[in-house]
Amino acid sequence: MSKLNEIIEKPLSGEWGEEDEVGTGIPVLRTTNFTNEGVVNYSNVVTRKIDPRKAKEKYLVKGDIIIEKSGGESCSTSRESCIF
């Protein structure tokens, strides 16, 4: 068995940006998009105003593992995960 930090290629934090009142921003995933089966539910994805350069660095690719860190604090425990 390997430790997660031994197999992660490049850990990235999420990007939340600013509120997108018109719905033309960049789609973001929230923990509410994670199912109990570990897949992404796209039925209620929200959009946010995020600098396109920042967003480009964080695009997901098939097979990425998404781990949610509750509260966004470095000492918080992980609650949810899913495979993109």
PDB file of N, CA and C in Angstrom:
ATOM      1  N   MET A   1       0.835  -1.165   0.000  1.00  0.00           N
ATOM      2  CA  MET A   1       0.000   0.000   0.000  1.00  0.00           C
ATOM      3  C   MET A   1       0.889   1.240   0.000  1.00  0.00           C
ATOM      4  N   SER A   2       0.477   2.236  -0.755  1.00  0.00           N
ATOM      5  CA  SER A   2       1.228   3.486  -0.847  1.00  0.00           C
ATOM      6  C   SER A   2       0.513   4.596  -0.095  1.00  0.00           C
ATOM      7  N   LYS A   3       1.286   5.550   0.368  1.00  0.00           N
ATOM      8  CA  LYS A   3       0.717   6.750   0.957  1.00  0.00           C
ATOM      9  C   LYS A   3       0.270   7.663  -0.170  1.00  0.00           C
ATOM     10  N   LEU A   4      -0.792   8.404   0.077  1.00  0.00           N
ATOM     11  CA  LEU A   4      -1.342   9.276  -0.949  1.00  0.00           C
ATOM     12  C   LEU A   4      -0.301  10.271  -1.467  1.00  0.00           C
ATOM     13  N   ASN A   5       0.498  10.841  -0.579  1.00  0.00           N
ATOM     14  CA  ASN A   5       1.494  11.825  -1.034  1.00  0.00           C
ATOM     15  C   ASN A   5       2.611  11.196  -1.868  1.00  0.00           C
ATOM     16  N   GLU A   6       2.692   9.869  -1.898  1.00  0.00           N
ATOM     17  CA  GLU A   6       3.691   9.192  -2.717  1.00  0.00           C
ATOM     18  C   GLU A   6       3.205   8.961  -4.153  1.00  0.00           C
ATOM     19  N   ILE A   7       1.897   9.038  -4.366  1.00  0.00           N
ATOM     20  CA  ILE A   7       1.362   8.755  -5.695  1.00  0.00           C
ATOM     21  C   ILE A   7       0.695   9.956  -6.363  1.00  0.00           C
ATOM     22  N   ILE A   8       0.536  11.046  -5.625  1.00  0.00           N
ATOM     23  CA  ILE A   8      -0.072  12.244  -6.212  1.00  0.00           C
ATOM     24  C   ILE A   8       0.926  12.924  -7.127  1.00  0.00           C
ATOM     25  N   GLU A   9       0.489  13.189  -8.348  1.00  0.00           N
ATOM     26  CA  GLU A   9       1.357  13.859  -9.306  1.00  0.00           C
ATOM     27  C   GLU A   9       1.509  15.337  -8.975  1.00  0.00           C
ATOM     28  N   LYS A  10       0.384  16.007  -8.749  1.00  0.00           N
ATOM     29  CA  LYS A  10       0.425  17.445  -8.498  1.00  0.00           C
ATOM     30  C   LYS A  10      -0.821  17.843  -7.717  1.00  0.00           C
ATOM     31  N   PRO A  11      -0.704  17.974  -6.395  1.00  0.00           N
ATOM     32  CA  PRO A  11      -1.883  18.377  -5.625  1.00  0.00           C
ATOM     33  C   PRO A  11      -2.250  19.833  -5.919  1.00  0.00           C
ATOM     34  N   LEU A  12      -3.529  20.101  -6.077  1.00  0.00           N
ATOM     35  CA  LEU A  12      -4.006  21.456  -6.348  1.00  0.00           C
ATOM     36  C   LEU A  12      -5.153  21.792  -5.411  1.00  0.00           C
ATOM     37  N   SER A  13      -5.185  23.018  -4.955  1.00  0.00           N
ATOM     38  CA  SER A  13      -6.340  23.460  -4.188  1.00  0.00           C
ATOM     39  C   SER A  13      -7.397  23.955  -5.167  1.00  0.00           C
ATOM     40  N   GLY A  14      -8.615  24.028  -4.687  1.00  0.00           N
ATOM     41  CA  GLY A  14      -9.708  24.495  -5.534  1.00  0.00           C
ATOM     42  C   GLY A  14      -9.672  25.988  -5.758  1.00  0.00           C
ATOM     43  N   GLU A  15     -10.542  26.448  -6.598  1.00  0.00           N
ATOM     44  CA  GLU A  15     -10.653  27.877  -6.890  1.00  0.00           C
ATOM     45  C   GLU A  15     -12.131  28.236  -6.805  1.00  0.00           C
ATOM     46  N   TRP A  16     -12.469  29.217  -6.009  1.00  0.00           N
ATOM     47  CA  TRP A  16     -13.886  29.550  -5.815  1.00  0.00           C
ATOM     48  C   TRP A  16     -14.283  30.817  -6.540  1.00  0.00           C
ATOM     49  N   GLY A  17     -13.398  31.770  -6.721  1.00  0.00           N
ATOM     50  CA  GLY A  17     -13.723  32.981  -7.462  1.00  0.00           C
ATOM     51  C   GLY A  17     -14.784  33.829  -6.779  1.00  0.00           C
ATOM     52  N   GLU A  18     -15.543  34.551  -7.599  1.00  0.00           N
ATOM     53  CA  GLU A  18     -16.591  35.440  -7.101  1.00  0.00           C
ATOM     54  C   GLU A  18     -17.948  34.973  -7.602  1.00  0.00           C
ATOM     55  N   GLU A  19     -18.992  35.468  -6.960  1.00  0.00           N
ATOM     56  CA  GLU A  19     -20.353  35.097  -7.343  1.00  0.00           C
ATOM     57  C   GLU A  19     -20.616  35.460  -8.802  1.00  0.00           C
ATOM     58  N   ASP A  20     -21.308  34.572  -9.508  1.00  0.00           N
ATOM     59  CA  ASP A  20     -21.650  34.769 -10.919  1.00  0.00           C
ATOM     60  C   ASP A  20     -23.166  34.876 -11.025  1.00  0.00           C
ATOM     61  N   GLU A  21     -23.672  36.079 -10.959  1.00  0.00           N
ATOM     62  CA  GLU A  21     -25.119  36.291 -10.925  1.00  0.00           C
ATOM     63  C   GLU A  21     -25.818  35.991 -12.240  1.00  0.00           C
ATOM     64  N   VAL A  22     -25.097  36.049 -13.365  1.00  0.00           N
ATOM     65  CA  VAL A  22     -25.731  35.830 -14.663  1.00  0.00           C
ATOM     66  C   VAL A  22     -25.550  34.406 -15.193  1.00  0.00           C
ATOM     67  N   GLY A  23     -24.692  33.614 -14.562  1.00  0.00           N
ATOM     68  CA  GLY A  23     -24.529  32.219 -14.973  1.00  0.00           C
ATOM     69  C   GLY A  23     -23.670  31.993 -16.192  1.00  0.00           C
ATOM     70  N   THR A  24     -22.778  32.933 -16.504  1.00  0.00           N
ATOM     71  CA  THR A  24     -21.918  32.780 -17.681  1.00  0.00           C
ATOM     72  C   THR A  24     -20.473  32.479 -17.311  1.00  0.00           C
ATOM     73  N   GLY A  25     -20.225  32.239 -16.028  1.00  0.00           N
ATOM     74  CA  GLY A  25     -18.864  31.996 -15.562  1.00  0.00           C
ATOM     75  C   GLY A  25     -18.403  30.564 -15.802  1.00  0.00           C
ATOM     76  N   ILE A  26     -17.411  30.175 -15.057  1.00  0.00           N
ATOM     77  CA  ILE A  26     -16.792  28.854 -15.192  1.00  0.00           C
ATOM     78  C   ILE A  26     -17.465  27.877 -14.240  1.00  0.00           C
ATOM     79  N   PRO A  27     -17.875  26.699 -14.727  1.00  0.00           N
ATOM     80  CA  PRO A  27     -18.510  25.707 -13.848  1.00  0.00           C
ATOM     81  C   PRO A  27     -17.536  25.217 -12.776  1.00  0.00           C
ATOM     82  N   VAL A  28     -18.021  25.112 -11.537  1.00  0.00           N
ATOM     83  CA  VAL A  28     -17.211  24.594 -10.441  1.00  0.00           C
ATOM     84  C   VAL A  28     -17.964  23.458  -9.757  1.00  0.00           C
ATOM     85  N   LEU A  29     -17.200  22.526  -9.213  1.00  0.00           N
ATOM     86  CA  LEU A  29     -17.795  21.411  -8.483  1.00  0.00           C
ATOM     87  C   LEU A  29     -17.766  21.708  -6.995  1.00  0.00           C
ATOM     88  N   ARG A  30     -18.821  21.294  -6.313  1.00  0.00           N
ATOM     89  CA  ARG A  30     -18.913  21.407  -4.863  1.00  0.00           C
ATOM     90  C   ARG A  30     -19.128  20.005  -4.307  1.00  0.00           C
ATOM     91  N   THR A  31     -19.021  19.860  -3.011  1.00  0.00           N
ATOM     92  CA  THR A  31     -19.237  18.531  -2.420  1.00  0.00           C
ATOM     93  C   THR A  31     -20.648  18.032  -2.694  1.00  0.00           C
ATOM     94  N   THR A  32     -21.579  18.936  -2.925  1.00  0.00           N
ATOM     95  CA  THR A  32     -22.944  18.503  -3.254  1.00  0.00           C
ATOM     96  C   THR A  32     -22.992  17.804  -4.610  1.00  0.00           C
ATOM     97  N   ASN A  33     -21.935  17.938  -5.402  1.00  0.00           N
ATOM     98  CA  ASN A  33     -21.867  17.252  -6.693  1.00  0.00           C
ATOM     99  C   ASN A  33     -21.267  15.853  -6.588  1.00  0.00           C
ATOM    100  N   PHE A  34     -20.791  15.464  -5.402  1.00  0.00           N
ATOM    101  CA  PHE A  34     -20.215  14.137  -5.196  1.00  0.00           C
ATOM    102  C   PHE A  34     -21.322  13.189  -4.759  1.00  0.00           C
ATOM    103  N   THR A  35     -21.444  12.061  -5.426  1.00  0.00           N
ATOM    104  CA  THR A  35     -22.446  11.075  -5.022  1.00  0.00           C
ATOM    105  C   THR A  35     -21.836  10.094  -4.028  1.00  0.00           C
ATOM    106  N   ASN A  36     -22.683   9.332  -3.369  1.00  0.00           N
ATOM    107  CA  ASN A  36     -22.206   8.295  -2.449  1.00  0.00           C
ATOM    108  C   ASN A  36     -21.453   7.193  -3.183  1.00  0.00           C
ATOM    109  N   GLU A  37     -21.633   7.115  -4.499  1.00  0.00           N
ATOM    110  CA  GLU A  37     -20.939   6.113  -5.309  1.00  0.00           C
ATOM    111  C   GLU A  37     -19.568   6.594  -5.772  1.00  0.00           C
ATOM    112  N   GLY A  38     -19.193   7.832  -5.430  1.00  0.00           N
ATOM    113  CA  GLY A  38     -17.875   8.351  -5.787  1.00  0.00           C
ATOM    114  C   GLY A  38     -17.760   8.892  -7.192  1.00  0.00           C
ATOM    115  N   VAL A  39     -18.875   9.309  -7.781  1.00  0.00           N
ATOM    116  CA  VAL A  39     -18.841   9.914  -9.116  1.00  0.00           C
ATOM    117  C   VAL A  39     -19.405  11.330  -9.022  1.00  0.00           C
ATOM    118  N   VAL A  40     -19.249  12.100 -10.092  1.00  0.00           N
ATOM    119  CA  VAL A  40     -19.716  13.484 -10.119  1.00  0.00           C
ATOM    120  C   VAL A  40     -21.134  13.542 -10.681  1.00  0.00           C
ATOM    121  N   ASN A  41     -22.008  14.260  -9.973  1.00  0.00           N
ATOM    122  CA  ASN A  41     -23.360  14.534 -10.441  1.00  0.00           C
ATOM    123  C   ASN A  41     -23.352  15.958 -10.996  1.00  0.00           C
ATOM    124  N   TYR A  42     -23.601  16.099 -12.287  1.00  0.00           N
ATOM    125  CA  TYR A  42     -23.524  17.401 -12.937  1.00  0.00           C
ATOM    126  C   TYR A  42     -24.853  18.154 -12.976  1.00  0.00           C
ATOM    127  N   SER A  43     -25.895  17.626 -12.339  1.00  0.00           N
ATOM    128  CA  SER A  43     -27.221  18.230 -12.467  1.00  0.00           C
ATOM    129  C   SER A  43     -27.352  19.583 -11.779  1.00  0.00           C
ATOM    130  N   ASN A  44     -26.488  19.899 -10.830  1.00  0.00           N
ATOM    131  CA  ASN A  44     -26.621  21.177 -10.133  1.00  0.00           C
ATOM    132  C   ASN A  44     -25.276  21.910  -9.994  1.00  0.00           C
ATOM    133  N   VAL A  45     -24.469  21.869 -11.038  1.00  0.00           N
ATOM    134  CA  VAL A  45     -23.175  22.556 -11.039  1.00  0.00           C
ATOM    135  C   VAL A  45     -23.428  24.064 -11.098  1.00  0.00           C
ATOM    136  N   VAL A  46     -22.694  24.821 -10.300  1.00  0.00           N
ATOM    137  CA  VAL A  46     -22.820  26.281 -10.319  1.00  0.00           C
ATOM    138  C   VAL A  46     -21.671  26.878 -11.127  1.00  0.00           C
ATOM    139  N   THR A  47     -21.836  28.132 -11.515  1.00  0.00           N
ATOM    140  CA  THR A  47     -20.759  28.837 -12.212  1.00  0.00           C
ATOM    141  C   THR A  47     -20.270  29.973 -11.325  1.00  0.00           C
ATOM    142  N   ARG A  48     -18.993  30.303 -11.471  1.00  0.00           N
ATOM    143  CA  ARG A  48     -18.368  31.365 -10.689  1.00  0.00           C
ATOM    144  C   ARG A  48     -17.495  32.206 -11.615  1.00  0.00           C
ATOM    145  N   LYS A  49     -17.259  33.452 -11.233  1.00  0.00           N
ATOM    146  CA  LYS A  49     -16.339  34.319 -11.968  1.00  0.00           C
ATOM    147  C   LYS A  49     -14.929  33.988 -11.493  1.00  0.00           C
ATOM    148  N   ILE A  50     -14.158  33.370 -12.372  1.00  0.00           N
ATOM    149  CA  ILE A  50     -12.786  32.962 -12.061  1.00  0.00           C
ATOM    150  C   ILE A  50     -11.886  33.407 -13.201  1.00  0.00           C
ATOM    151  N   ASP A  51     -10.732  33.929 -12.845  1.00  0.00           N
ATOM    152  CA  ASP A  51      -9.754  34.344 -13.842  1.00  0.00           C
ATOM    153  C   ASP A  51      -9.450  33.139 -14.736  1.00  0.00           C
ATOM    154  N   PRO A  52      -9.618  33.267 -16.054  1.00  0.00           N
ATOM    155  CA  PRO A  52      -9.399  32.140 -16.966  1.00  0.00           C
ATOM    156  C   PRO A  52      -8.014  31.505 -16.839  1.00  0.00           C
ATOM    157  N   ARG A  53      -6.992  32.293 -16.513  1.00  0.00           N
ATOM    158  CA  ARG A  53      -5.641  31.730 -16.346  1.00  0.00           C
ATOM    159  C   ARG A  53      -5.592  30.794 -15.140  1.00  0.00           C
ATOM    160  N   LYS A  54      -6.249  31.185 -14.051  1.00  0.00           N
ATOM    161  CA  LYS A  54      -6.304  30.324 -12.867  1.00  0.00           C
ATOM    162  C   LYS A  54      -7.106  29.064 -13.164  1.00  0.00           C
ATOM    163  N   ALA A  55      -8.215  29.230 -13.862  1.00  0.00           N
ATOM    164  CA  ALA A  55      -9.071  28.086 -14.181  1.00  0.00           C
ATOM    165  C   ALA A  55      -8.335  27.081 -15.065  1.00  0.00           C
ATOM    166  N   LYS A  56      -7.596  27.567 -16.035  1.00  0.00           N
ATOM    167  CA  LYS A  56      -6.876  26.688 -16.963  1.00  0.00           C
ATOM    168  C   LYS A  56      -5.905  25.781 -16.226  1.00  0.00           C
ATOM    169  N   GLU A  57      -5.290  26.290 -15.149  1.00  0.00           N
ATOM    170  CA  GLU A  57      -4.340  25.499 -14.369  1.00  0.00           C
ATOM    171  C   GLU A  57      -5.028  24.384 -13.580  1.00  0.00           C
ATOM    172  N   LYS A  58      -6.348  24.488 -13.424  1.00  0.00           N
ATOM    173  CA  LYS A  58      -7.052  23.560 -12.545  1.00  0.00           C
ATOM    174  C   LYS A  58      -8.093  22.707 -13.252  1.00  0.00           C
ATOM    175  N   TYR A  59      -8.096  22.707 -14.579  1.00  0.00           N
ATOM    176  CA  TYR A  59      -9.033  21.843 -15.293  1.00  0.00           C
ATOM    177  C   TYR A  59      -8.787  20.395 -14.913  1.00  0.00           C
ATOM    178  N   LEU A  60      -9.853  19.660 -14.716  1.00  0.00           N
ATOM    179  CA  LEU A  60      -9.741  18.243 -14.388  1.00  0.00           C
ATOM    180  C   LEU A  60      -9.609  17.410 -15.651  1.00  0.00           C
ATOM    181  N   VAL A  61      -8.925  16.299 -15.533  1.00  0.00           N
ATOM    182  CA  VAL A  61      -8.833  15.345 -16.635  1.00  0.00           C
ATOM    183  C   VAL A  61      -9.340  13.996 -16.140  1.00  0.00           C
ATOM    184  N   LYS A  62      -9.788  13.190 -17.064  1.00  0.00           N
ATOM    185  CA  LYS A  62     -10.339  11.888 -16.711  1.00  0.00           C
ATOM    186  C   LYS A  62      -9.349  11.109 -15.845  1.00  0.00           C
ATOM    187  N   GLY A  63      -9.876  10.557 -14.753  1.00  0.00           N
ATOM    188  CA  GLY A  63      -9.057   9.784 -13.842  1.00  0.00           C
ATOM    189  C   GLY A  63      -8.550  10.569 -12.640  1.00  0.00           C
ATOM    190  N   ASP A  64      -8.707  11.908 -12.676  1.00  0.00           N
ATOM    191  CA  ASP A  64      -8.303  12.712 -11.517  1.00  0.00           C
ATOM    192  C   ASP A  64      -9.115  12.289 -10.302  1.00  0.00           C
ATOM    193  N   ILE A  65      -8.490  12.319  -9.154  1.00  0.00           N
ATOM    194  CA  ILE A  65      -9.172  12.045  -7.893  1.00  0.00           C
ATOM    195  C   ILE A  65      -9.397  13.375  -7.199  1.00  0.00           C
ATOM    196  N   ILE A  66     -10.643  13.650  -6.865  1.00  0.00           N
ATOM    197  CA  ILE A  66     -10.992  14.900  -6.193  1.00  0.00           C
ATOM    198  C   ILE A  66     -11.223  14.573  -4.727  1.00  0.00           C
ATOM    199  N   ILE A  67     -10.503  15.256  -3.855  1.00  0.00           N
ATOM    200  CA  ILE A  67     -10.662  15.061  -2.417  1.00  0.00           C
ATOM    201  C   ILE A  67     -11.084  16.385  -1.805  1.00  0.00           C
ATOM    202  N   GLU A  68     -12.240  16.387  -1.197  1.00  0.00           N
ATOM    203  CA  GLU A  68     -12.754  17.594  -0.569  1.00  0.00           C
ATOM    204  C   GLU A  68     -12.187  17.722   0.832  1.00  0.00           C
ATOM    205  N   LYS A  69     -11.691  18.916   1.125  1.00  0.00           N
ATOM    206  CA  LYS A  69     -11.165  19.199   2.456  1.00  0.00           C
ATOM    207  C   LYS A  69     -12.161  20.142   3.123  1.00  0.00           C
ATOM    208  N   SER A  70     -12.908  19.656   4.086  1.00  0.00           N
ATOM    209  CA  SER A  70     -13.997  20.439   4.674  1.00  0.00           C
ATOM    210  C   SER A  70     -13.488  21.752   5.248  1.00  0.00           C
ATOM    211  N   GLY A  71     -14.239  22.798   4.986  1.00  0.00           N
ATOM    212  CA  GLY A  71     -13.923  24.106   5.536  1.00  0.00           C
ATOM    213  C   GLY A  71     -12.749  24.804   4.883  1.00  0.00           C
ATOM    214  N   GLY A  72     -12.013  24.128   4.042  1.00  0.00           N
ATOM    215  CA  GLY A  72     -10.889  24.748   3.358  1.00  0.00           C
ATOM    216  C   GLY A  72      -9.693  25.031   4.251  1.00  0.00           C
ATOM    217  N   GLU A  73      -9.686  24.531   5.460  1.00  0.00           N
ATOM    218  CA  GLU A  73      -8.575  24.755   6.377  1.00  0.00           C
ATOM    219  C   GLU A  73      -7.569  23.620   6.272  1.00  0.00           C
ATOM    220  N   SER A  74      -6.308  23.915   6.425  1.00  0.00           N
ATOM    221  CA  SER A  74      -5.272  22.896   6.278  1.00  0.00           C
ATOM    222  C   SER A  74      -5.358  21.817   7.350  1.00  0.00           C
ATOM    223  N   CYS A  75      -5.977  22.105   8.481  1.00  0.00           N
ATOM    224  CA  CYS A  75      -6.066  21.101   9.543  1.00  0.00           C
ATOM    225  C   CYS A  75      -7.373  20.326   9.496  1.00  0.00           C
ATOM    226  N   SER A  76      -8.240  20.614   8.544  1.00  0.00           N
ATOM    227  CA  SER A  76      -9.530  19.934   8.453  1.00  0.00           C
ATOM    228  C   SER A  76      -9.366  18.535   7.921  1.00  0.00           C
ATOM    229  N   THR A  77     -10.289  17.673   8.279  1.00  0.00           N
ATOM    230  CA  THR A  77     -10.257  16.319   7.757  1.00  0.00           C
ATOM    231  C   THR A  77     -11.027  16.228   6.457  1.00  0.00           C
ATOM    232  N   SER A  78     -10.648  15.316   5.610  1.00  0.00           N
ATOM    233  CA  SER A  78     -11.322  15.111   4.336  1.00  0.00           C
ATOM    234  C   SER A  78     -12.627  14.375   4.560  1.00  0.00           C
ATOM    235  N   ARG A  79     -13.693  14.814   3.897  1.00  0.00           N
ATOM    236  CA  ARG A  79     -14.994  14.181   4.057  1.00  0.00           C
ATOM    237  C   ARG A  79     -15.443  13.431   2.816  1.00  0.00           C
ATOM    238  N   GLU A  80     -15.153  13.945   1.661  1.00  0.00           N
ATOM    239  CA  GLU A  80     -15.695  13.408   0.422  1.00  0.00           C
ATOM    240  C   GLU A  80     -14.587  13.207  -0.596  1.00  0.00           C
ATOM    241  N   SER A  81     -14.753  12.218  -1.461  1.00  0.00           N
ATOM    242  CA  SER A  81     -13.841  12.055  -2.573  1.00  0.00           C
ATOM    243  C   SER A  81     -14.603  11.480  -3.749  1.00  0.00           C
ATOM    244  N   CYS A  82     -14.051  11.674  -4.916  1.00  0.00           N
ATOM    245  CA  CYS A  82     -14.704  11.163  -6.109  1.00  0.00           C
ATOM    246  C   CYS A  82     -13.703  11.120  -7.240  1.00  0.00           C
ATOM    247  N   ILE A  83     -13.971  10.284  -8.230  1.00  0.00           N
ATOM    248  CA  ILE A  83     -13.099  10.167  -9.405  1.00  0.00           C
ATOM    249  C   ILE A  83     -13.751  10.890 -10.567  1.00  0.00           C
ATOM    250  N   PHE A  84     -13.005  11.746 -11.216  1.00  0.00           N
ATOM    251  CA  PHE A  84     -13.519  12.516 -12.350  1.00  0.00           C
ATOM    252  C   PHE A  84     -13.399  11.685 -13.607  1.00  0.00           C
TER     253      PHE A  84
END
